[in-house]
Amino acid sequence: MTQEPAPRPEQNAASAALHWSVAKNLQEVALASERYVDVAARSGHVHRTDLHALNEILRNQDSDAPITASELAGRLGLSAPATTALIDRLVDHGHVRRARDKRDGRRVALFATDEARTTGGRLFRPLGAALSTMSSAYTTDELRLIDGFLARAAATIERAAASHTG
C-alpha cells in the first residue's frame, strides 16, 4: 500500500492558491461527472441510481469479488427495501442476475449481464473516447503523476465520506 506523501512546507500565497485551484477543479470534475451520469441515465431510460449500482456490481465482479445486496445497499446508502426494488428493476431489465457466489455458496451475489455491459458501453463510450483524446496531450510520466494523484484523491474522498457516517 502506498504511503501518503508528507505535506510540503511551501506555504506561500501562490502555493495556497494552487492548492485551492486543484480542490476546486476536483469539485468541478465531480459535478461534471454527476451531470454526465444524469444525461446518460436519461438517454438510456434508466435511473441514475441504477447506473451507480451497475458500476458497483461491475467493479466488484471484475475484481472477482462479487457484491451482495446488503453490501450494495451500504455502498449506495439505500434501505433494504429500496435496494430490493433496485435489484428487481435491474433483473427485470436484463442487466443483473442473482447467483450463488462460487467461493461461498451461502452468499447470493449480484452479477452484471452482457446486456448491462453493452448498455454501459453505449452510454459511457463517448465519455471514454473524449477523455482518451484529452489525455493524449500528456506524456507517460505526466499521466503516471495524474493517475497517482487521482487515485489518492479518490481514497481521500472515500475516507472523508466515511468520517461523516460515524
N, C-alpha and C. Protein backbone atom coordinates (compact mmCIF):
# COMPACT_ATOMS: atom_id res chain seq x y z
N MET A 1 0.86 -1.18 0.00
CA MET A 1 0.00 0.00 0.00
C MET A 1 0.89 1.23 0.00
N THR A 2 0.53 2.21 -0.79
CA THR A 2 1.33 3.42 -0.93
C THR A 2 1.06 4.35 0.24
N GLN A 3 2.13 4.87 0.81
CA GLN A 3 2.03 5.82 1.92
C GLN A 3 1.68 7.20 1.36
N GLU A 4 0.83 7.91 2.07
CA GLU A 4 0.51 9.29 1.69
C GLU A 4 1.78 10.13 1.79
N PRO A 5 2.06 10.96 0.79
CA PRO A 5 3.24 11.82 0.87
C PRO A 5 3.08 12.86 1.97
N ALA A 6 4.19 13.19 2.60
CA ALA A 6 4.17 14.20 3.65
C ALA A 6 3.89 15.56 3.03
N PRO A 7 3.14 16.42 3.73
CA PRO A 7 2.89 17.76 3.19
C PRO A 7 4.21 18.51 3.01
N ARG A 8 4.26 19.30 1.98
CA ARG A 8 5.46 20.09 1.72
C ARG A 8 5.38 21.40 2.50
N PRO A 9 6.51 21.94 2.88
CA PRO A 9 6.50 23.16 3.70
C PRO A 9 6.15 24.43 2.95
N GLU A 10 5.86 24.34 1.65
CA GLU A 10 5.53 25.53 0.87
C GLU A 10 4.23 26.13 1.40
N GLN A 11 4.30 27.33 1.93
CA GLN A 11 3.11 27.96 2.48
C GLN A 11 2.90 29.36 1.93
N ASN A 12 3.47 29.63 0.76
CA ASN A 12 3.30 30.97 0.20
C ASN A 12 1.93 31.11 -0.46
N ALA A 13 1.60 32.33 -0.79
CA ALA A 13 0.27 32.62 -1.34
C ALA A 13 0.04 31.90 -2.67
N ALA A 14 1.06 31.83 -3.52
CA ALA A 14 0.90 31.17 -4.82
C ALA A 14 0.62 29.69 -4.62
N SER A 15 1.31 29.06 -3.69
CA SER A 15 1.10 27.65 -3.41
C SER A 15 -0.29 27.41 -2.85
N ALA A 16 -0.72 28.26 -1.93
CA ALA A 16 -2.05 28.11 -1.34
C ALA A 16 -3.12 28.28 -2.42
N ALA A 17 -2.93 29.22 -3.32
CA ALA A 17 -3.89 29.44 -4.40
C ALA A 17 -3.95 28.22 -5.33
N LEU A 18 -2.80 27.61 -5.60
CA LEU A 18 -2.77 26.44 -6.45
C LEU A 18 -3.47 25.26 -5.77
N HIS A 19 -3.24 25.07 -4.48
CA HIS A 19 -3.92 24.00 -3.74
C HIS A 19 -5.44 24.21 -3.80
N TRP A 20 -5.88 25.44 -3.62
CA TRP A 20 -7.31 25.73 -3.70
C TRP A 20 -7.84 25.46 -5.10
N SER A 21 -7.08 25.84 -6.13
CA SER A 21 -7.49 25.62 -7.50
C SER A 21 -7.64 24.12 -7.80
N VAL A 22 -6.72 23.31 -7.31
CA VAL A 22 -6.81 21.86 -7.50
C VAL A 22 -8.08 21.33 -6.84
N ALA A 23 -8.34 21.74 -5.60
CA ALA A 23 -9.55 21.29 -4.89
C ALA A 23 -10.81 21.72 -5.65
N LYS A 24 -10.81 22.96 -6.13
CA LYS A 24 -11.97 23.47 -6.87
C LYS A 24 -12.16 22.69 -8.16
N ASN A 25 -11.07 22.39 -8.86
CA ASN A 25 -11.17 21.63 -10.10
C ASN A 25 -11.63 20.20 -9.86
N LEU A 26 -11.23 19.61 -8.75
CA LEU A 26 -11.73 18.27 -8.40
C LEU A 26 -13.24 18.32 -8.18
N GLN A 27 -13.72 19.38 -7.53
CA GLN A 27 -15.16 19.55 -7.35
C GLN A 27 -15.85 19.68 -8.70
N GLU A 28 -15.26 20.43 -9.60
CA GLU A 28 -15.83 20.61 -10.94
C GLU A 28 -15.89 19.29 -11.69
N VAL A 29 -14.84 18.48 -11.57
CA VAL A 29 -14.82 17.16 -12.21
C VAL A 29 -15.94 16.30 -11.64
N ALA A 30 -16.10 16.32 -10.31
CA ALA A 30 -17.15 15.52 -9.67
C ALA A 30 -18.53 15.97 -10.14
N LEU A 31 -18.75 17.27 -10.19
CA LEU A 31 -20.05 17.79 -10.64
C LEU A 31 -20.31 17.48 -12.11
N ALA A 32 -19.28 17.64 -12.95
CA ALA A 32 -19.43 17.34 -14.37
C ALA A 32 -19.72 15.85 -14.56
N SER A 33 -19.08 15.02 -13.79
CA SER A 33 -19.31 13.57 -13.86
C SER A 33 -20.74 13.23 -13.47
N GLU A 34 -21.24 13.86 -12.42
CA GLU A 34 -22.63 13.62 -12.00
C GLU A 34 -23.61 14.10 -13.07
N ARG A 35 -23.30 15.22 -13.70
CA ARG A 35 -24.17 15.70 -14.78
C ARG A 35 -24.16 14.71 -15.94
N TYR A 36 -22.98 14.16 -16.25
CA TYR A 36 -22.89 13.17 -17.32
C TYR A 36 -23.73 11.94 -16.98
N VAL A 37 -23.66 11.48 -15.74
CA VAL A 37 -24.46 10.33 -15.31
C VAL A 37 -25.95 10.64 -15.47
N ASP A 38 -26.36 11.85 -15.11
CA ASP A 38 -27.77 12.24 -15.29
C ASP A 38 -28.18 12.15 -16.75
N VAL A 39 -27.38 12.71 -17.64
CA VAL A 39 -27.70 12.71 -19.07
C VAL A 39 -27.68 11.28 -19.61
N ALA A 40 -26.67 10.50 -19.23
CA ALA A 40 -26.58 9.11 -19.70
C ALA A 40 -27.77 8.30 -19.21
N ALA A 41 -28.17 8.50 -17.97
CA ALA A 41 -29.31 7.76 -17.43
C ALA A 41 -30.58 8.10 -18.20
N ARG A 42 -30.80 9.39 -18.45
CA ARG A 42 -32.00 9.79 -19.20
C ARG A 42 -31.98 9.20 -20.61
N SER A 43 -30.82 9.28 -21.27
CA SER A 43 -30.75 8.78 -22.65
C SER A 43 -30.87 7.26 -22.70
N GLY A 44 -30.47 6.58 -21.63
CA GLY A 44 -30.59 5.13 -21.58
C GLY A 44 -31.87 4.64 -20.96
N HIS A 45 -32.74 5.59 -20.56
CA HIS A 45 -34.03 5.27 -19.95
C HIS A 45 -33.87 4.41 -18.70
N VAL A 46 -32.88 4.77 -17.88
CA VAL A 46 -32.66 4.09 -16.60
C VAL A 46 -32.53 5.15 -15.51
N HIS A 47 -32.62 4.72 -14.28
CA HIS A 47 -32.44 5.62 -13.15
C HIS A 47 -30.95 5.83 -12.92
N ARG A 48 -30.59 7.00 -12.44
CA ARG A 48 -29.18 7.27 -12.14
C ARG A 48 -28.68 6.31 -11.07
N THR A 49 -29.53 5.95 -10.11
CA THR A 49 -29.13 5.00 -9.08
C THR A 49 -28.84 3.64 -9.69
N ASP A 50 -29.57 3.29 -10.75
CA ASP A 50 -29.30 2.03 -11.45
C ASP A 50 -27.87 2.03 -12.01
N LEU A 51 -27.46 3.16 -12.59
CA LEU A 51 -26.11 3.25 -13.14
C LEU A 51 -25.06 3.15 -12.04
N HIS A 52 -25.31 3.78 -10.90
CA HIS A 52 -24.37 3.68 -9.79
C HIS A 52 -24.30 2.24 -9.29
N ALA A 53 -25.46 1.58 -9.21
CA ALA A 53 -25.49 0.19 -8.77
C ALA A 53 -24.74 -0.71 -9.74
N LEU A 54 -24.99 -0.53 -11.03
CA LEU A 54 -24.29 -1.34 -12.03
C LEU A 54 -22.79 -1.12 -11.97
N ASN A 55 -22.38 0.10 -11.74
CA ASN A 55 -20.95 0.39 -11.60
C ASN A 55 -20.36 -0.39 -10.43
N GLU A 56 -21.04 -0.37 -9.29
CA GLU A 56 -20.55 -1.11 -8.12
C GLU A 56 -20.51 -2.61 -8.40
N ILE A 57 -21.56 -3.12 -9.02
CA ILE A 57 -21.63 -4.56 -9.31
C ILE A 57 -20.50 -4.95 -10.28
N LEU A 58 -20.31 -4.17 -11.33
CA LEU A 58 -19.27 -4.47 -12.31
C LEU A 58 -17.87 -4.37 -11.71
N ARG A 59 -17.63 -3.34 -10.92
CA ARG A 59 -16.30 -3.18 -10.30
C ARG A 59 -15.97 -4.39 -9.44
N ASN A 60 -16.93 -4.84 -8.66
CA ASN A 60 -16.69 -6.00 -7.80
C ASN A 60 -16.58 -7.28 -8.62
N GLN A 61 -17.44 -7.44 -9.59
CA GLN A 61 -17.40 -8.62 -10.44
C GLN A 61 -16.07 -8.71 -11.18
N ASP A 62 -15.61 -7.59 -11.72
CA ASP A 62 -14.36 -7.58 -12.48
C ASP A 62 -13.13 -7.82 -11.61
N SER A 63 -13.23 -7.53 -10.32
CA SER A 63 -12.11 -7.81 -9.41
C SER A 63 -12.31 -9.15 -8.70
N ASP A 64 -13.22 -9.97 -9.22
CA ASP A 64 -13.51 -11.30 -8.69
C ASP A 64 -13.91 -11.28 -7.22
N ALA A 65 -14.69 -10.25 -6.87
CA ALA A 65 -15.22 -10.12 -5.50
C ALA A 65 -16.68 -9.70 -5.61
N PRO A 66 -17.55 -10.63 -6.07
CA PRO A 66 -18.96 -10.28 -6.27
C PRO A 66 -19.59 -9.66 -5.03
N ILE A 67 -20.51 -8.74 -5.27
CA ILE A 67 -21.14 -7.97 -4.20
C ILE A 67 -22.53 -8.56 -3.90
N THR A 68 -22.92 -8.50 -2.64
CA THR A 68 -24.26 -8.95 -2.25
C THR A 68 -25.20 -7.75 -2.19
N ALA A 69 -26.48 -8.05 -2.05
CA ALA A 69 -27.48 -6.97 -1.96
C ALA A 69 -27.22 -6.08 -0.76
N SER A 70 -26.89 -6.67 0.38
CA SER A 70 -26.66 -5.84 1.57
C SER A 70 -25.41 -4.99 1.42
N GLU A 71 -24.38 -5.52 0.78
CA GLU A 71 -23.17 -4.71 0.53
C GLU A 71 -23.48 -3.57 -0.43
N LEU A 72 -24.29 -3.86 -1.44
CA LEU A 72 -24.69 -2.81 -2.39
C LEU A 72 -25.48 -1.73 -1.68
N ALA A 73 -26.38 -2.13 -0.80
CA ALA A 73 -27.17 -1.15 -0.04
C ALA A 73 -26.26 -0.22 0.74
N GLY A 74 -25.25 -0.80 1.39
CA GLY A 74 -24.31 0.02 2.16
C GLY A 74 -23.53 0.98 1.29
N ARG A 75 -23.09 0.53 0.13
CA ARG A 75 -22.31 1.39 -0.76
C ARG A 75 -23.14 2.53 -1.33
N LEU A 76 -24.42 2.25 -1.58
CA LEU A 76 -25.28 3.27 -2.19
C LEU A 76 -26.06 4.07 -1.16
N GLY A 77 -26.00 3.66 0.11
CA GLY A 77 -26.74 4.36 1.15
C GLY A 77 -28.24 4.17 1.03
N LEU A 78 -28.66 2.98 0.64
CA LEU A 78 -30.08 2.69 0.45
C LEU A 78 -30.59 1.75 1.54
N SER A 79 -31.88 1.82 1.80
CA SER A 79 -32.52 0.88 2.72
C SER A 79 -32.63 -0.48 2.04
N ALA A 80 -32.90 -1.51 2.85
CA ALA A 80 -33.07 -2.85 2.29
C ALA A 80 -34.22 -2.90 1.29
N PRO A 81 -35.41 -2.33 1.61
CA PRO A 81 -36.49 -2.37 0.62
C PRO A 81 -36.16 -1.62 -0.68
N ALA A 82 -35.50 -0.48 -0.56
CA ALA A 82 -35.13 0.28 -1.76
C ALA A 82 -34.11 -0.50 -2.60
N THR A 83 -33.20 -1.19 -1.93
CA THR A 83 -32.20 -1.99 -2.65
C THR A 83 -32.86 -3.16 -3.36
N THR A 84 -33.81 -3.81 -2.69
CA THR A 84 -34.54 -4.92 -3.32
C THR A 84 -35.27 -4.43 -4.56
N ALA A 85 -35.94 -3.29 -4.46
CA ALA A 85 -36.65 -2.73 -5.61
C ALA A 85 -35.67 -2.41 -6.75
N LEU A 86 -34.52 -1.85 -6.41
CA LEU A 86 -33.50 -1.52 -7.40
C LEU A 86 -33.01 -2.79 -8.10
N ILE A 87 -32.67 -3.79 -7.32
CA ILE A 87 -32.16 -5.04 -7.91
C ILE A 87 -33.24 -5.70 -8.76
N ASP A 88 -34.48 -5.74 -8.27
CA ASP A 88 -35.58 -6.32 -9.05
C ASP A 88 -35.73 -5.60 -10.39
N ARG A 89 -35.60 -4.28 -10.37
CA ARG A 89 -35.71 -3.48 -11.61
C ARG A 89 -34.56 -3.86 -12.56
N LEU A 90 -33.34 -3.99 -12.03
CA LEU A 90 -32.19 -4.34 -12.87
C LEU A 90 -32.33 -5.76 -13.43
N VAL A 91 -32.86 -6.67 -12.63
CA VAL A 91 -33.11 -8.04 -13.10
C VAL A 91 -34.17 -8.02 -14.20
N ASP A 92 -35.26 -7.29 -13.97
CA ASP A 92 -36.35 -7.21 -14.95
C ASP A 92 -35.88 -6.65 -16.29
N HIS A 93 -34.91 -5.73 -16.25
CA HIS A 93 -34.38 -5.14 -17.49
C HIS A 93 -33.27 -5.98 -18.10
N GLY A 94 -32.92 -7.09 -17.46
CA GLY A 94 -31.89 -7.97 -18.01
C GLY A 94 -30.47 -7.52 -17.76
N HIS A 95 -30.28 -6.61 -16.79
CA HIS A 95 -28.94 -6.08 -16.52
C HIS A 95 -28.20 -6.84 -15.42
N VAL A 96 -28.94 -7.50 -14.54
CA VAL A 96 -28.33 -8.15 -13.39
C VAL A 96 -28.98 -9.52 -13.18
N ARG A 97 -28.19 -10.44 -12.66
CA ARG A 97 -28.73 -11.72 -12.22
C ARG A 97 -28.20 -12.01 -10.83
N ARG A 98 -29.00 -12.72 -10.06
CA ARG A 98 -28.59 -13.18 -8.74
C ARG A 98 -28.08 -14.61 -8.89
N ALA A 99 -26.98 -14.91 -8.20
CA ALA A 99 -26.44 -16.28 -8.25
C ALA A 99 -25.60 -16.53 -7.00
N ARG A 100 -25.44 -17.79 -6.68
CA ARG A 100 -24.59 -18.17 -5.55
C ARG A 100 -23.15 -17.80 -5.88
N ASP A 101 -22.46 -17.26 -4.89
CA ASP A 101 -21.04 -16.92 -5.02
C ASP A 101 -20.26 -18.23 -5.10
N LYS A 102 -19.40 -18.36 -6.10
CA LYS A 102 -18.62 -19.59 -6.28
C LYS A 102 -17.70 -19.87 -5.10
N ARG A 103 -17.20 -18.83 -4.46
CA ARG A 103 -16.28 -19.01 -3.34
C ARG A 103 -16.99 -19.35 -2.04
N ASP A 104 -18.23 -18.88 -1.91
CA ASP A 104 -19.01 -19.13 -0.71
C ASP A 104 -20.46 -19.33 -1.12
N GLY A 105 -20.86 -20.58 -1.24
CA GLY A 105 -22.18 -20.91 -1.73
C GLY A 105 -23.33 -20.42 -0.87
N ARG A 106 -23.02 -19.96 0.34
CA ARG A 106 -24.08 -19.40 1.20
C ARG A 106 -24.47 -18.00 0.77
N ARG A 107 -23.56 -17.32 0.09
CA ARG A 107 -23.80 -15.93 -0.32
C ARG A 107 -24.50 -15.88 -1.67
N VAL A 108 -25.52 -15.04 -1.77
CA VAL A 108 -26.14 -14.76 -3.07
C VAL A 108 -25.56 -13.43 -3.53
N ALA A 109 -24.84 -13.50 -4.65
CA ALA A 109 -24.16 -12.31 -5.16
C ALA A 109 -24.89 -11.79 -6.39
N LEU A 110 -24.53 -10.57 -6.76
CA LEU A 110 -25.12 -9.90 -7.92
C LEU A 110 -24.09 -9.87 -9.05
N PHE A 111 -24.54 -10.21 -10.24
CA PHE A 111 -23.66 -10.26 -11.40
C PHE A 111 -24.30 -9.48 -12.55
N ALA A 112 -23.50 -8.64 -13.19
CA ALA A 112 -23.97 -7.90 -14.35
C ALA A 112 -23.99 -8.83 -15.56
N THR A 113 -24.94 -8.62 -16.43
CA THR A 113 -25.07 -9.43 -17.64
C THR A 113 -24.32 -8.77 -18.79
N ASP A 114 -24.21 -9.50 -19.89
CA ASP A 114 -23.62 -8.93 -21.10
C ASP A 114 -24.44 -7.73 -21.57
N GLU A 115 -25.75 -7.79 -21.38
CA GLU A 115 -26.63 -6.68 -21.75
C GLU A 115 -26.25 -5.41 -20.98
N ALA A 116 -25.92 -5.56 -19.70
CA ALA A 116 -25.52 -4.41 -18.89
C ALA A 116 -24.23 -3.81 -19.43
N ARG A 117 -23.29 -4.67 -19.80
CA ARG A 117 -22.02 -4.18 -20.36
C ARG A 117 -22.25 -3.46 -21.70
N THR A 118 -23.15 -4.00 -22.51
CA THR A 118 -23.47 -3.37 -23.79
C THR A 118 -24.10 -2.00 -23.57
N THR A 119 -25.06 -1.94 -22.66
CA THR A 119 -25.72 -0.67 -22.35
C THR A 119 -24.71 0.33 -21.77
N GLY A 120 -23.90 -0.13 -20.83
CA GLY A 120 -22.88 0.75 -20.24
C GLY A 120 -21.91 1.28 -21.28
N GLY A 121 -21.50 0.40 -22.19
CA GLY A 121 -20.59 0.83 -23.25
C GLY A 121 -21.22 1.89 -24.14
N ARG A 122 -22.48 1.67 -24.47
CA ARG A 122 -23.18 2.65 -25.33
C ARG A 122 -23.30 4.01 -24.63
N LEU A 123 -23.56 3.98 -23.32
CA LEU A 123 -23.76 5.23 -22.59
C LEU A 123 -22.46 5.95 -22.26
N PHE A 124 -21.38 5.17 -21.99
CA PHE A 124 -20.16 5.80 -21.48
C PHE A 124 -18.98 5.77 -22.46
N ARG A 125 -19.11 5.07 -23.58
CA ARG A 125 -18.03 5.07 -24.57
C ARG A 125 -17.70 6.47 -25.07
N PRO A 126 -18.70 7.33 -25.33
CA PRO A 126 -18.36 8.70 -25.79
C PRO A 126 -17.51 9.47 -24.77
N LEU A 127 -17.81 9.30 -23.50
CA LEU A 127 -17.01 9.97 -22.47
C LEU A 127 -15.60 9.39 -22.44
N GLY A 128 -15.49 8.07 -22.52
CA GLY A 128 -14.17 7.44 -22.52
C GLY A 128 -13.33 7.91 -23.70
N ALA A 129 -13.95 8.01 -24.87
CA ALA A 129 -13.22 8.47 -26.06
C ALA A 129 -12.77 9.92 -25.90
N ALA A 130 -13.64 10.76 -25.36
CA ALA A 130 -13.28 12.17 -25.17
C ALA A 130 -12.14 12.31 -24.16
N LEU A 131 -12.19 11.53 -23.07
CA LEU A 131 -11.12 11.60 -22.07
C LEU A 131 -9.81 11.04 -22.63
N SER A 132 -9.90 10.02 -23.46
CA SER A 132 -8.70 9.46 -24.08
C SER A 132 -8.06 10.49 -25.01
N THR A 133 -8.88 11.18 -25.79
CA THR A 133 -8.36 12.23 -26.67
C THR A 133 -7.71 13.34 -25.85
N MET A 134 -8.38 13.76 -24.79
CA MET A 134 -7.83 14.82 -23.94
C MET A 134 -6.51 14.40 -23.32
N SER A 135 -6.44 13.17 -22.82
CA SER A 135 -5.23 12.73 -22.11
C SER A 135 -4.07 12.44 -23.04
N SER A 136 -4.33 12.32 -24.34
CA SER A 136 -3.23 12.05 -25.28
C SER A 136 -2.26 13.23 -25.38
N ALA A 137 -2.64 14.38 -24.86
CA ALA A 137 -1.75 15.55 -24.88
C ALA A 137 -0.67 15.46 -23.81
N TYR A 138 -0.74 14.46 -22.91
CA TYR A 138 0.20 14.34 -21.80
C TYR A 138 1.21 13.24 -22.07
N THR A 139 2.40 13.41 -21.50
CA THR A 139 3.42 12.37 -21.62
C THR A 139 3.08 11.22 -20.67
N THR A 140 3.74 10.10 -20.86
CA THR A 140 3.54 8.95 -19.99
C THR A 140 3.85 9.30 -18.55
N ASP A 141 4.94 10.02 -18.32
CA ASP A 141 5.29 10.41 -16.95
C ASP A 141 4.24 11.34 -16.34
N GLU A 142 3.74 12.27 -17.14
CA GLU A 142 2.69 13.16 -16.63
C GLU A 142 1.43 12.37 -16.30
N LEU A 143 1.08 11.42 -17.15
CA LEU A 143 -0.11 10.60 -16.89
C LEU A 143 0.07 9.75 -15.63
N ARG A 144 1.27 9.23 -15.40
CA ARG A 144 1.52 8.48 -14.16
C ARG A 144 1.31 9.37 -12.94
N LEU A 145 1.80 10.60 -13.01
CA LEU A 145 1.62 11.55 -11.90
C LEU A 145 0.13 11.86 -11.69
N ILE A 146 -0.58 12.14 -12.77
CA ILE A 146 -2.00 12.44 -12.69
C ILE A 146 -2.76 11.23 -12.15
N ASP A 147 -2.44 10.05 -12.66
CA ASP A 147 -3.10 8.82 -12.22
C ASP A 147 -2.90 8.60 -10.72
N GLY A 148 -1.69 8.77 -10.25
CA GLY A 148 -1.41 8.62 -8.82
C GLY A 148 -2.16 9.65 -7.99
N PHE A 149 -2.18 10.87 -8.45
CA PHE A 149 -2.90 11.93 -7.73
C PHE A 149 -4.38 11.60 -7.65
N LEU A 150 -4.98 11.21 -8.78
CA LEU A 150 -6.41 10.91 -8.78
C LEU A 150 -6.75 9.72 -7.90
N ALA A 151 -5.90 8.70 -7.90
CA ALA A 151 -6.12 7.54 -7.03
C ALA A 151 -6.08 7.95 -5.56
N ARG A 152 -5.09 8.77 -5.19
CA ARG A 152 -5.00 9.23 -3.80
C ARG A 152 -6.15 10.17 -3.46
N ALA A 153 -6.57 11.00 -4.42
CA ALA A 153 -7.70 11.90 -4.18
C ALA A 153 -8.97 11.09 -3.94
N ALA A 154 -9.21 10.07 -4.74
CA ALA A 154 -10.40 9.23 -4.56
C ALA A 154 -10.39 8.56 -3.19
N ALA A 155 -9.24 8.03 -2.78
CA ALA A 155 -9.14 7.38 -1.47
C ALA A 155 -9.36 8.40 -0.34
N THR A 156 -8.84 9.59 -0.51
CA THR A 156 -9.02 10.64 0.49
C THR A 156 -10.49 11.04 0.61
N ILE A 157 -11.17 11.15 -0.52
CA ILE A 157 -12.58 11.50 -0.53
C ILE A 157 -13.40 10.39 0.13
N GLU A 158 -13.06 9.13 -0.15
CA GLU A 158 -13.76 8.00 0.49
C GLU A 158 -13.58 8.04 2.01
N ARG A 159 -12.37 8.31 2.46
CA ARG A 159 -12.12 8.40 3.91
C ARG A 159 -12.89 9.56 4.53
N ALA A 160 -12.94 10.69 3.83
CA ALA A 160 -13.69 11.84 4.32
C ALA A 160 -15.16 11.52 4.42
N ALA A 161 -15.70 10.81 3.42
CA ALA A 161 -17.11 10.42 3.46
C ALA A 161 -17.36 9.47 4.62
N ALA A 162 -16.46 8.53 4.83
CA ALA A 162 -16.61 7.56 5.93
C ALA A 162 -16.59 8.26 7.29
N SER A 163 -15.85 9.36 7.40
CA SER A 163 -15.78 10.07 8.67
C SER A 163 -17.12 10.72 9.02
N HIS A 164 -17.96 10.94 8.01
CA HIS A 164 -19.28 11.54 8.25
C HIS A 164 -20.32 10.50 8.66
N THR A 165 -20.03 9.24 8.35
CA THR A 165 -21.00 8.19 8.65
C THR A 165 -20.76 7.55 10.00
N GLY A 166 -19.74 7.98 10.68
CA GLY A 166 -19.53 7.53 12.05
C GLY A 166 -18.65 6.37 12.12
